[in-house]
Amino acid sequence: MRRYNVFGKKLSKTKALPLMILIFVAVIAGYYLMSVYQNQKLEELEQREVELNLEISQLINNQEDVTYLEIGELMPFLPSSYDKQSIDNEILIAKNLALFELTDTFSHTITNDVNSPFDEALDQQIKFTRINVSFNVDDHIKALSFMDSIIDMTTIYHIDFMDLSFLTNGNVQVDMVIYTFYYDMNE
């Protein structure tokens, strides 16, 4: 057998068929490995979803005695003016209490003098402030901890909407709409 072709180039002794078979086996193995990995991640996410649903069910079923005050009784507890700085501070305190890390993304916007989130008509002097919060964390417990921290603040907050989505990378994307109130003495 010749070692060089007619142009002087060295001939390879490897055959194309074994190389093609090796590539085919590698592709099939890669496909099955990716499939197994995807199924494991899916099972993990389903398990986390079940855990979260159980926590939500426990929170819903946890019946605590709640005393509701009339609007007139709440007036002394409402701020008398809009204070964006104190709202910012309380949102950041709640974020820190929820143990957010530097890698967690967090943003919020505050809009003053918006429409009421309630169906009932309230006193015209009660003004509403909407806070849109969006964050991406690595654990859904941080989202629930943030919500609990907001509820425990001294300022009265109303959580109107919360959307919690599990992402494919294992993180949790949360969007919230929160309202707070103040009693405008100037109007």
N, C-alpha and C. Protein backbone atom coordinates (compact mmCIF):
# COMPACT_ATOMS: atom_id res chain seq x y z
N MET A 1 0.84 -1.18 0.00
CA MET A 1 0.00 0.00 0.00
C MET A 1 0.88 1.24 0.00
N ARG A 2 0.48 2.24 -0.79
CA ARG A 2 1.27 3.45 -0.91
C ARG A 2 1.06 4.34 0.31
N ARG A 3 2.10 5.10 0.62
CA ARG A 3 2.00 6.03 1.73
C ARG A 3 1.73 7.44 1.24
N TYR A 4 1.98 7.75 0.00
CA TYR A 4 1.81 9.08 -0.55
C TYR A 4 0.95 9.01 -1.80
N ASN A 5 0.15 10.03 -2.03
CA ASN A 5 -0.64 10.05 -3.26
C ASN A 5 0.22 10.60 -4.40
N VAL A 6 -0.37 10.75 -5.58
CA VAL A 6 0.40 11.17 -6.74
C VAL A 6 0.91 12.61 -6.62
N PHE A 7 0.33 13.39 -5.71
CA PHE A 7 0.76 14.77 -5.52
C PHE A 7 1.79 14.91 -4.41
N GLY A 8 2.13 13.82 -3.74
CA GLY A 8 3.13 13.85 -2.69
C GLY A 8 2.56 14.05 -1.29
N LYS A 9 1.25 14.07 -1.17
CA LYS A 9 0.62 14.25 0.13
C LYS A 9 0.51 12.90 0.82
N LYS A 10 0.77 12.89 2.14
CA LYS A 10 0.74 11.65 2.90
C LYS A 10 -0.70 11.18 3.02
N LEU A 11 -0.90 9.90 2.77
CA LEU A 11 -2.24 9.31 2.85
C LEU A 11 -2.54 8.93 4.30
N SER A 12 -3.78 9.15 4.71
CA SER A 12 -4.21 8.80 6.06
C SER A 12 -4.65 7.35 6.09
N LYS A 13 -4.31 6.67 7.18
CA LYS A 13 -4.69 5.27 7.30
C LYS A 13 -6.04 5.11 7.99
N THR A 14 -6.60 6.20 8.47
CA THR A 14 -7.92 6.10 9.13
C THR A 14 -9.00 6.05 8.08
N LYS A 15 -10.00 5.29 8.38
CA LYS A 15 -11.13 5.15 7.47
C LYS A 15 -12.26 6.08 7.93
N ALA A 16 -13.08 6.50 7.03
CA ALA A 16 -14.17 7.43 7.33
C ALA A 16 -15.31 6.75 8.08
N LEU A 17 -15.57 5.49 7.81
CA LEU A 17 -16.70 4.80 8.43
C LEU A 17 -16.57 4.70 9.95
N PRO A 18 -15.44 4.28 10.51
CA PRO A 18 -15.34 4.25 11.98
C PRO A 18 -15.49 5.64 12.60
N LEU A 19 -14.97 6.67 11.94
CA LEU A 19 -15.11 8.03 12.45
C LEU A 19 -16.57 8.46 12.43
N MET A 20 -17.29 8.13 11.37
CA MET A 20 -18.72 8.48 11.30
C MET A 20 -19.51 7.72 12.36
N ILE A 21 -19.17 6.47 12.60
CA ILE A 21 -19.86 5.69 13.64
C ILE A 21 -19.59 6.30 15.01
N LEU A 22 -18.36 6.72 15.26
CA LEU A 22 -18.02 7.35 16.53
C LEU A 22 -18.80 8.66 16.72
N ILE A 23 -18.90 9.47 15.70
CA ILE A 23 -19.67 10.72 15.78
C ILE A 23 -21.14 10.41 16.01
N PHE A 24 -21.68 9.43 15.32
CA PHE A 24 -23.08 9.05 15.49
C PHE A 24 -23.36 8.61 16.93
N VAL A 25 -22.48 7.78 17.48
CA VAL A 25 -22.64 7.31 18.86
C VAL A 25 -22.56 8.49 19.83
N ALA A 26 -21.64 9.43 19.58
CA ALA A 26 -21.51 10.60 20.45
C ALA A 26 -22.76 11.46 20.40
N VAL A 27 -23.34 11.65 19.22
CA VAL A 27 -24.56 12.45 19.09
C VAL A 27 -25.72 11.78 19.82
N ILE A 28 -25.88 10.48 19.65
CA ILE A 28 -26.96 9.75 20.33
C ILE A 28 -26.77 9.82 21.85
N ALA A 29 -25.53 9.61 22.31
CA ALA A 29 -25.26 9.68 23.76
C ALA A 29 -25.55 11.09 24.29
N GLY A 30 -25.14 12.10 23.54
CA GLY A 30 -25.42 13.48 23.94
C GLY A 30 -26.90 13.76 24.03
N TYR A 31 -27.65 13.25 23.07
CA TYR A 31 -29.11 13.44 23.08
C TYR A 31 -29.72 12.83 24.33
N TYR A 32 -29.33 11.59 24.65
CA TYR A 32 -29.90 10.93 25.83
C TYR A 32 -29.46 11.61 27.12
N LEU A 33 -28.22 12.08 27.18
CA LEU A 33 -27.77 12.80 28.37
C LEU A 33 -28.55 14.10 28.56
N MET A 34 -28.77 14.84 27.48
CA MET A 34 -29.56 16.07 27.56
C MET A 34 -30.99 15.77 27.97
N SER A 35 -31.54 14.69 27.45
CA SER A 35 -32.91 14.31 27.79
C SER A 35 -33.03 13.97 29.27
N VAL A 36 -32.07 13.22 29.79
CA VAL A 36 -32.08 12.86 31.22
C VAL A 36 -31.93 14.12 32.07
N TYR A 37 -31.03 15.02 31.68
CA TYR A 37 -30.82 16.26 32.43
C TYR A 37 -32.09 17.12 32.43
N GLN A 38 -32.73 17.26 31.28
CA GLN A 38 -33.97 18.05 31.19
C GLN A 38 -35.07 17.44 32.05
N ASN A 39 -35.19 16.11 32.04
CA ASN A 39 -36.21 15.44 32.86
C ASN A 39 -35.95 15.65 34.34
N GLN A 40 -34.68 15.61 34.75
CA GLN A 40 -34.35 15.86 36.16
C GLN A 40 -34.72 17.28 36.56
N LYS A 41 -34.39 18.26 35.72
CA LYS A 41 -34.74 19.65 36.01
C LYS A 41 -36.25 19.83 36.08
N LEU A 42 -36.97 19.18 35.17
CA LEU A 42 -38.43 19.28 35.16
C LEU A 42 -39.00 18.70 36.45
N GLU A 43 -38.48 17.55 36.88
CA GLU A 43 -38.96 16.95 38.13
C GLU A 43 -38.66 17.85 39.32
N GLU A 44 -37.48 18.49 39.33
CA GLU A 44 -37.13 19.44 40.40
C GLU A 44 -38.12 20.59 40.44
N LEU A 45 -38.40 21.17 39.28
CA LEU A 45 -39.33 22.30 39.21
C LEU A 45 -40.73 21.89 39.62
N GLU A 46 -41.16 20.70 39.22
CA GLU A 46 -42.48 20.22 39.63
C GLU A 46 -42.54 20.03 41.14
N GLN A 47 -41.46 19.53 41.72
CA GLN A 47 -41.41 19.35 43.18
C GLN A 47 -41.46 20.70 43.88
N ARG A 48 -40.73 21.69 43.37
CA ARG A 48 -40.77 23.03 43.96
C ARG A 48 -42.15 23.65 43.82
N GLU A 49 -42.81 23.39 42.70
CA GLU A 49 -44.17 23.91 42.51
C GLU A 49 -45.13 23.29 43.52
N VAL A 50 -44.99 21.98 43.76
CA VAL A 50 -45.85 21.31 44.74
C VAL A 50 -45.59 21.89 46.13
N GLU A 51 -44.31 22.09 46.49
CA GLU A 51 -43.98 22.67 47.79
C GLU A 51 -44.57 24.07 47.94
N LEU A 52 -44.45 24.87 46.89
CA LEU A 52 -44.99 26.23 46.94
C LEU A 52 -46.50 26.22 47.05
N ASN A 53 -47.16 25.34 46.31
CA ASN A 53 -48.62 25.24 46.41
C ASN A 53 -49.04 24.81 47.81
N LEU A 54 -48.28 23.91 48.43
CA LEU A 54 -48.59 23.51 49.81
C LEU A 54 -48.44 24.68 50.77
N GLU A 55 -47.37 25.47 50.59
CA GLU A 55 -47.18 26.64 51.44
C GLU A 55 -48.31 27.64 51.26
N ILE A 56 -48.71 27.87 50.02
CA ILE A 56 -49.81 28.79 49.76
C ILE A 56 -51.09 28.27 50.38
N SER A 57 -51.34 26.98 50.25
CA SER A 57 -52.55 26.39 50.84
C SER A 57 -52.53 26.53 52.36
N GLN A 58 -51.35 26.33 52.96
CA GLN A 58 -51.25 26.49 54.41
C GLN A 58 -51.52 27.92 54.82
N LEU A 59 -51.00 28.88 54.05
CA LEU A 59 -51.24 30.28 54.37
C LEU A 59 -52.71 30.64 54.23
N ILE A 60 -53.35 30.09 53.21
CA ILE A 60 -54.77 30.37 53.01
C ILE A 60 -55.60 29.73 54.11
N ASN A 61 -55.26 28.51 54.49
CA ASN A 61 -56.03 27.80 55.50
C ASN A 61 -55.73 28.26 56.92
N ASN A 62 -54.64 28.98 57.10
CA ASN A 62 -54.28 29.46 58.43
C ASN A 62 -55.22 30.61 58.79
N GLN A 63 -56.23 30.30 59.54
CA GLN A 63 -57.23 31.29 59.91
C GLN A 63 -56.81 31.98 61.20
N GLU A 64 -56.46 33.23 61.09
CA GLU A 64 -56.12 34.02 62.26
C GLU A 64 -57.25 35.01 62.49
N ASP A 65 -57.44 35.36 63.76
CA ASP A 65 -58.44 36.37 64.06
C ASP A 65 -57.92 37.71 63.58
N VAL A 66 -58.66 38.32 62.69
CA VAL A 66 -58.28 39.59 62.12
C VAL A 66 -59.34 40.61 62.50
N THR A 67 -58.89 41.73 63.02
CA THR A 67 -59.81 42.79 63.37
C THR A 67 -59.70 43.87 62.29
N TYR A 68 -60.81 44.16 61.67
CA TYR A 68 -60.84 45.19 60.64
C TYR A 68 -61.35 46.48 61.25
N LEU A 69 -60.67 47.55 60.93
CA LEU A 69 -61.08 48.86 61.42
C LEU A 69 -61.84 49.59 60.33
N GLU A 70 -62.71 50.47 60.74
CA GLU A 70 -63.40 51.34 59.79
C GLU A 70 -62.41 52.39 59.29
N ILE A 71 -62.74 53.00 58.16
CA ILE A 71 -61.85 54.00 57.58
C ILE A 71 -61.58 55.13 58.57
N GLY A 72 -62.60 55.56 59.26
CA GLY A 72 -62.43 56.64 60.24
C GLY A 72 -61.48 56.25 61.35
N GLU A 73 -61.46 54.99 61.73
CA GLU A 73 -60.56 54.52 62.78
C GLU A 73 -59.12 54.39 62.28
N LEU A 74 -58.95 54.26 60.97
CA LEU A 74 -57.61 54.13 60.39
C LEU A 74 -56.92 55.48 60.17
N MET A 75 -57.69 56.56 60.14
CA MET A 75 -57.12 57.87 59.81
C MET A 75 -55.90 58.24 60.66
N PRO A 76 -55.91 58.00 61.97
CA PRO A 76 -54.71 58.38 62.75
C PRO A 76 -53.46 57.59 62.35
N PHE A 77 -53.63 56.42 61.72
CA PHE A 77 -52.48 55.60 61.35
C PHE A 77 -51.97 55.89 59.95
N LEU A 78 -52.70 56.67 59.17
CA LEU A 78 -52.27 57.01 57.81
C LEU A 78 -51.37 58.23 57.83
N PRO A 79 -50.35 58.25 57.00
CA PRO A 79 -49.52 59.46 56.89
C PRO A 79 -50.36 60.61 56.35
N SER A 80 -49.95 61.83 56.65
CA SER A 80 -50.73 63.00 56.20
C SER A 80 -50.22 63.57 54.89
N SER A 81 -49.13 63.02 54.36
CA SER A 81 -48.62 63.51 53.07
C SER A 81 -47.85 62.38 52.39
N TYR A 82 -47.59 62.61 51.12
CA TYR A 82 -46.83 61.64 50.31
C TYR A 82 -45.35 61.80 50.63
N ASP A 83 -44.70 60.70 50.99
CA ASP A 83 -43.28 60.72 51.32
C ASP A 83 -42.58 59.58 50.57
N LYS A 84 -42.07 59.92 49.39
CA LYS A 84 -41.43 58.91 48.53
C LYS A 84 -40.21 58.29 49.21
N GLN A 85 -39.46 59.10 49.93
CA GLN A 85 -38.24 58.59 50.57
C GLN A 85 -38.54 57.52 51.61
N SER A 86 -39.58 57.72 52.41
CA SER A 86 -39.90 56.71 53.44
C SER A 86 -40.41 55.42 52.79
N ILE A 87 -41.16 55.55 51.68
CA ILE A 87 -41.62 54.35 50.96
C ILE A 87 -40.41 53.61 50.38
N ASP A 88 -39.49 54.34 49.76
CA ASP A 88 -38.25 53.74 49.24
C ASP A 88 -37.49 53.00 50.35
N ASN A 89 -37.36 53.67 51.49
CA ASN A 89 -36.63 53.06 52.61
C ASN A 89 -37.30 51.78 53.08
N GLU A 90 -38.62 51.79 53.21
CA GLU A 90 -39.32 50.59 53.69
C GLU A 90 -39.23 49.45 52.68
N ILE A 91 -39.28 49.76 51.38
CA ILE A 91 -39.12 48.72 50.36
C ILE A 91 -37.72 48.11 50.44
N LEU A 92 -36.71 48.95 50.61
CA LEU A 92 -35.34 48.45 50.71
C LEU A 92 -35.11 47.69 52.01
N ILE A 93 -35.76 48.11 53.10
CA ILE A 93 -35.66 47.36 54.36
C ILE A 93 -36.28 45.98 54.18
N ALA A 94 -37.44 45.92 53.53
CA ALA A 94 -38.09 44.62 53.29
C ALA A 94 -37.20 43.74 52.42
N LYS A 95 -36.55 44.35 51.43
CA LYS A 95 -35.63 43.60 50.56
C LYS A 95 -34.47 43.03 51.37
N ASN A 96 -33.91 43.83 52.25
CA ASN A 96 -32.78 43.36 53.07
C ASN A 96 -33.22 42.31 54.09
N LEU A 97 -34.42 42.47 54.65
CA LEU A 97 -34.92 41.47 55.59
C LEU A 97 -35.16 40.13 54.90
N ALA A 98 -35.47 40.17 53.61
CA ALA A 98 -35.69 38.93 52.84
C ALA A 98 -34.38 38.28 52.41
N LEU A 99 -33.26 38.89 52.82
CA LEU A 99 -31.92 38.34 52.54
C LEU A 99 -31.61 38.24 51.06
N PHE A 100 -31.94 39.29 50.31
CA PHE A 100 -31.57 39.33 48.90
C PHE A 100 -30.05 39.44 48.81
N GLU A 101 -29.50 38.86 47.76
CA GLU A 101 -28.06 38.89 47.54
C GLU A 101 -27.74 39.89 46.43
N LEU A 102 -26.47 40.17 46.26
CA LEU A 102 -26.06 41.11 45.21
C LEU A 102 -26.39 40.59 43.82
N THR A 103 -26.44 39.27 43.67
CA THR A 103 -26.73 38.70 42.35
C THR A 103 -28.22 38.73 42.03
N ASP A 104 -29.07 38.97 43.03
CA ASP A 104 -30.51 39.05 42.80
C ASP A 104 -30.84 40.41 42.19
N THR A 105 -31.62 40.40 41.10
CA THR A 105 -32.01 41.66 40.48
C THR A 105 -33.28 42.16 41.16
N PHE A 106 -33.36 43.47 41.36
CA PHE A 106 -34.49 44.06 42.08
C PHE A 106 -34.73 45.46 41.52
N SER A 107 -35.98 45.75 41.20
CA SER A 107 -36.33 47.11 40.77
C SER A 107 -37.73 47.43 41.25
N HIS A 108 -37.96 48.72 41.51
CA HIS A 108 -39.30 49.14 41.90
C HIS A 108 -39.53 50.57 41.40
N THR A 109 -40.79 50.85 41.10
CA THR A 109 -41.20 52.20 40.70
C THR A 109 -42.37 52.62 41.56
N ILE A 110 -42.38 53.88 41.93
CA ILE A 110 -43.43 54.42 42.78
C ILE A 110 -44.20 55.47 41.99
N THR A 111 -45.53 55.31 41.96
CA THR A 111 -46.39 56.26 41.26
C THR A 111 -47.38 56.83 42.26
N ASN A 112 -47.39 58.14 42.39
CA ASN A 112 -48.26 58.80 43.36
C ASN A 112 -49.60 59.17 42.73
N ASP A 113 -50.61 59.28 43.57
CA ASP A 113 -51.95 59.76 43.21
C ASP A 113 -52.54 58.95 42.06
N VAL A 114 -52.71 57.65 42.30
CA VAL A 114 -53.31 56.75 41.31
C VAL A 114 -54.73 56.41 41.75
N ASN A 115 -55.45 55.71 40.89
CA ASN A 115 -56.82 55.31 41.22
C ASN A 115 -56.82 54.27 42.34
N SER A 116 -57.95 54.20 43.02
CA SER A 116 -58.11 53.27 44.13
C SER A 116 -58.11 51.83 43.63
N PRO A 117 -57.44 50.93 44.35
CA PRO A 117 -57.48 49.52 43.97
C PRO A 117 -58.76 48.82 44.44
N PHE A 118 -59.59 49.55 45.18
CA PHE A 118 -60.80 48.96 45.77
C PHE A 118 -62.03 49.34 44.96
N ASP A 119 -63.05 48.50 45.06
CA ASP A 119 -64.30 48.76 44.36
C ASP A 119 -65.14 49.81 45.08
N GLU A 120 -65.04 49.86 46.41
CA GLU A 120 -65.84 50.81 47.18
C GLU A 120 -65.27 52.21 47.06
N ALA A 121 -66.15 53.18 47.08
CA ALA A 121 -65.73 54.58 47.04
C ALA A 121 -65.24 54.97 48.43
N LEU A 122 -64.10 55.65 48.48
CA LEU A 122 -63.54 56.10 49.75
C LEU A 122 -63.49 57.62 49.77
N ASP A 123 -63.16 58.16 50.92
CA ASP A 123 -63.06 59.60 51.10
C ASP A 123 -62.10 60.18 50.05
N GLN A 124 -62.46 61.33 49.51
CA GLN A 124 -61.65 61.97 48.46
C GLN A 124 -60.27 62.39 48.96
N GLN A 125 -60.13 62.55 50.28
CA GLN A 125 -58.84 62.96 50.83
C GLN A 125 -57.85 61.80 50.96
N ILE A 126 -58.34 60.59 50.80
CA ILE A 126 -57.42 59.44 50.84
C ILE A 126 -56.81 59.27 49.46
N LYS A 127 -55.50 59.40 49.40
CA LYS A 127 -54.76 59.29 48.15
C LYS A 127 -54.01 57.96 48.14
N PHE A 128 -53.83 57.41 46.95
CA PHE A 128 -53.22 56.10 46.80
C PHE A 128 -51.89 56.23 46.06
N THR A 129 -50.95 55.42 46.47
CA THR A 129 -49.64 55.36 45.83
C THR A 129 -49.39 53.91 45.42
N ARG A 130 -49.09 53.72 44.13
CA ARG A 130 -48.84 52.37 43.61
C ARG A 130 -47.33 52.13 43.53
N ILE A 131 -46.93 50.95 43.96
CA ILE A 131 -45.53 50.55 43.91
C ILE A 131 -45.45 49.27 43.08
N ASN A 132 -44.77 49.35 41.94
CA ASN A 132 -44.54 48.17 41.10
C ASN A 132 -43.17 47.62 41.46
N VAL A 133 -43.14 46.36 41.88
CA VAL A 133 -41.89 45.72 42.29
C VAL A 133 -41.65 44.52 41.38
N SER A 134 -40.42 44.40 40.91
CA SER A 134 -40.04 43.27 40.08
C SER A 134 -38.67 42.80 40.53
N PHE A 135 -38.55 41.49 40.76
CA PHE A 135 -37.24 40.97 41.14
C PHE A 135 -37.08 39.54 40.69
N ASN A 136 -35.81 39.14 40.60
CA ASN A 136 -35.42 37.80 40.16
C ASN A 136 -34.49 37.25 41.23
N VAL A 137 -34.94 36.19 41.94
CA VAL A 137 -34.16 35.62 43.04
C VAL A 137 -33.93 34.13 42.79
N ASP A 138 -32.99 33.58 43.55
CA ASP A 138 -32.65 32.17 43.36
C ASP A 138 -33.49 31.23 44.22
N ASP A 139 -34.37 31.77 45.08
CA ASP A 139 -35.17 30.92 45.96
C ASP A 139 -36.54 31.57 46.18
N HIS A 140 -37.59 30.78 46.02
CA HIS A 140 -38.94 31.33 46.18
C HIS A 140 -39.23 31.74 47.62
N ILE A 141 -38.49 31.23 48.58
CA ILE A 141 -38.66 31.61 49.99
C ILE A 141 -38.35 33.10 50.17
N LYS A 142 -37.39 33.62 49.41
CA LYS A 142 -37.07 35.04 49.50
C LYS A 142 -38.25 35.90 49.07
N ALA A 143 -38.99 35.43 48.05
CA ALA A 143 -40.16 36.18 47.59
C ALA A 143 -41.23 36.22 48.68
N LEU A 144 -41.47 35.08 49.31
CA LEU A 144 -42.47 35.04 50.39
C LEU A 144 -42.00 35.85 51.60
N SER A 145 -40.71 35.81 51.88
CA SER A 145 -40.15 36.58 52.98
C SER A 145 -40.28 38.08 52.71
N PHE A 146 -40.06 38.49 51.46
CA PHE A 146 -40.24 39.90 51.09
C PHE A 146 -41.69 40.31 51.30
N MET A 147 -42.63 39.47 50.88
CA MET A 147 -44.05 39.78 51.06
C MET A 147 -44.39 39.91 52.54
N ASP A 148 -43.89 38.99 53.37
CA ASP A 148 -44.14 39.07 54.81
C ASP A 148 -43.53 40.33 55.42
N SER A 149 -42.35 40.72 54.95
CA SER A 149 -41.70 41.92 55.47
C SER A 149 -42.50 43.17 55.12
N ILE A 150 -43.07 43.21 53.92
CA ILE A 150 -43.90 44.35 53.53
C ILE A 150 -45.14 44.43 54.42
N ILE A 151 -45.75 43.29 54.67
CA ILE A 151 -46.97 43.26 55.49
C ILE A 151 -46.67 43.71 56.92
N ASP A 152 -45.48 43.39 57.44
CA ASP A 152 -45.13 43.71 58.82
C ASP A 152 -44.64 45.14 59.02
N MET A 153 -44.53 45.93 57.97
CA MET A 153 -44.07 47.31 58.10
C MET A 153 -45.09 48.15 58.87
N THR A 154 -44.63 49.28 59.40
CA THR A 154 -45.54 50.15 60.15
C THR A 154 -46.51 50.88 59.23
N THR A 155 -46.08 51.18 58.03
CA THR A 155 -46.97 51.79 57.05
C THR A 155 -47.94 50.72 56.55
N ILE A 156 -49.17 51.13 56.27
CA ILE A 156 -50.17 50.18 55.78
C ILE A 156 -49.93 49.96 54.29
N TYR A 157 -49.71 48.69 53.91
CA TYR A 157 -49.53 48.32 52.51
C TYR A 157 -50.61 47.32 52.12
N HIS A 158 -51.05 47.43 50.88
CA HIS A 158 -52.03 46.48 50.33
C HIS A 158 -51.38 45.83 49.12
N ILE A 159 -51.18 44.51 49.18
CA ILE A 159 -50.61 43.77 48.05
C ILE A 159 -51.77 43.41 47.13
N ASP A 160 -51.82 44.07 45.99
CA ASP A 160 -52.94 43.90 45.07
C ASP A 160 -52.71 42.74 44.10
N PHE A 161 -51.46 42.50 43.73
CA PHE A 161 -51.16 41.50 42.71
C PHE A 161 -49.76 40.96 42.95
N MET A 162 -49.62 39.64 42.76
CA MET A 162 -48.29 39.02 42.84
C MET A 162 -48.24 37.88 41.83
N ASP A 163 -47.25 37.93 40.94
CA ASP A 163 -47.05 36.89 39.94
C ASP A 163 -45.68 36.27 40.20
N LEU A 164 -45.66 34.97 40.44
CA LEU A 164 -44.43 34.26 40.75
C LEU A 164 -44.21 33.22 39.66
N SER A 165 -43.09 33.31 38.95
CA SER A 165 -42.80 32.40 37.83
C SER A 165 -41.47 31.70 38.07
N PHE A 166 -41.46 30.38 37.92
CA PHE A 166 -40.22 29.62 38.01
C PHE A 166 -39.55 29.63 36.64
N LEU A 167 -38.28 30.02 36.60
CA LEU A 167 -37.53 30.09 35.36
C LEU A 167 -36.74 28.80 35.14
N THR A 168 -36.30 28.58 33.92
CA THR A 168 -35.60 27.34 33.58
C THR A 168 -34.23 27.25 34.25
N ASN A 169 -33.63 28.38 34.61
CA ASN A 169 -32.32 28.34 35.27
C ASN A 169 -32.43 28.13 36.78
N GLY A 170 -33.64 27.89 37.29
CA GLY A 170 -33.83 27.64 38.71
C GLY A 170 -34.20 28.87 39.51
N ASN A 171 -34.12 30.03 38.91
CA ASN A 171 -34.49 31.26 39.60
C ASN A 171 -36.00 31.46 39.59
N VAL A 172 -36.43 32.46 40.34
CA VAL A 172 -37.85 32.80 40.43
C VAL A 172 -38.01 34.27 40.05
N GLN A 173 -38.90 34.56 39.11
CA GLN A 173 -39.22 35.92 38.69
C GLN A 173 -40.51 36.33 39.38
N VAL A 174 -40.49 37.46 40.09
CA VAL A 174 -41.66 37.92 40.84
C VAL A 174 -42.00 39.34 40.40
N ASP A 175 -43.28 39.55 40.12
CA ASP A 175 -43.81 40.88 39.83
C ASP A 175 -44.93 41.14 40.83
N MET A 176 -44.89 42.31 41.47
CA MET A 176 -45.90 42.64 42.48
C MET A 176 -46.41 44.05 42.24
N VAL A 177 -47.69 44.26 42.59
CA VAL A 177 -48.27 45.59 42.62
C VAL A 177 -48.74 45.81 44.05
N ILE A 178 -48.18 46.83 44.69
CA ILE A 178 -48.46 47.13 46.09
C ILE A 178 -49.02 48.55 46.15
N TYR A 179 -49.99 48.75 47.02
CA TYR A 179 -50.55 50.09 47.23
C TYR A 179 -50.32 50.52 48.67
N THR A 180 -50.08 51.80 48.85
CA THR A 180 -50.08 52.40 50.17
C THR A 180 -50.95 53.66 50.10
N PHE A 181 -51.28 54.21 51.24
CA PHE A 181 -52.28 55.28 51.30
C PHE A 181 -51.76 56.42 52.16
N TYR A 182 -52.29 57.59 51.91
CA TYR A 182 -52.05 58.71 52.82
C TYR A 182 -53.29 59.60 52.81
N TYR A 183 -53.48 60.29 53.91
CA TYR A 183 -54.64 61.15 54.10
C TYR A 183 -54.20 62.57 53.81
N ASP A 184 -54.59 63.08 52.64
CA ASP A 184 -54.16 64.40 52.20
C ASP A 184 -54.93 65.47 52.94
N MET A 185 -54.27 66.14 53.88
CA MET A 185 -54.93 67.17 54.70
C MET A 185 -55.16 68.45 53.91
N ASN A 186 -54.44 68.65 52.82
CA ASN A 186 -54.54 69.90 52.06
C ASN A 186 -55.74 69.93 51.14
N GLU A 187 -56.38 68.81 50.93
CA GLU A 187 -57.49 68.79 49.97
C GLU A 187 -58.82 68.90 50.66
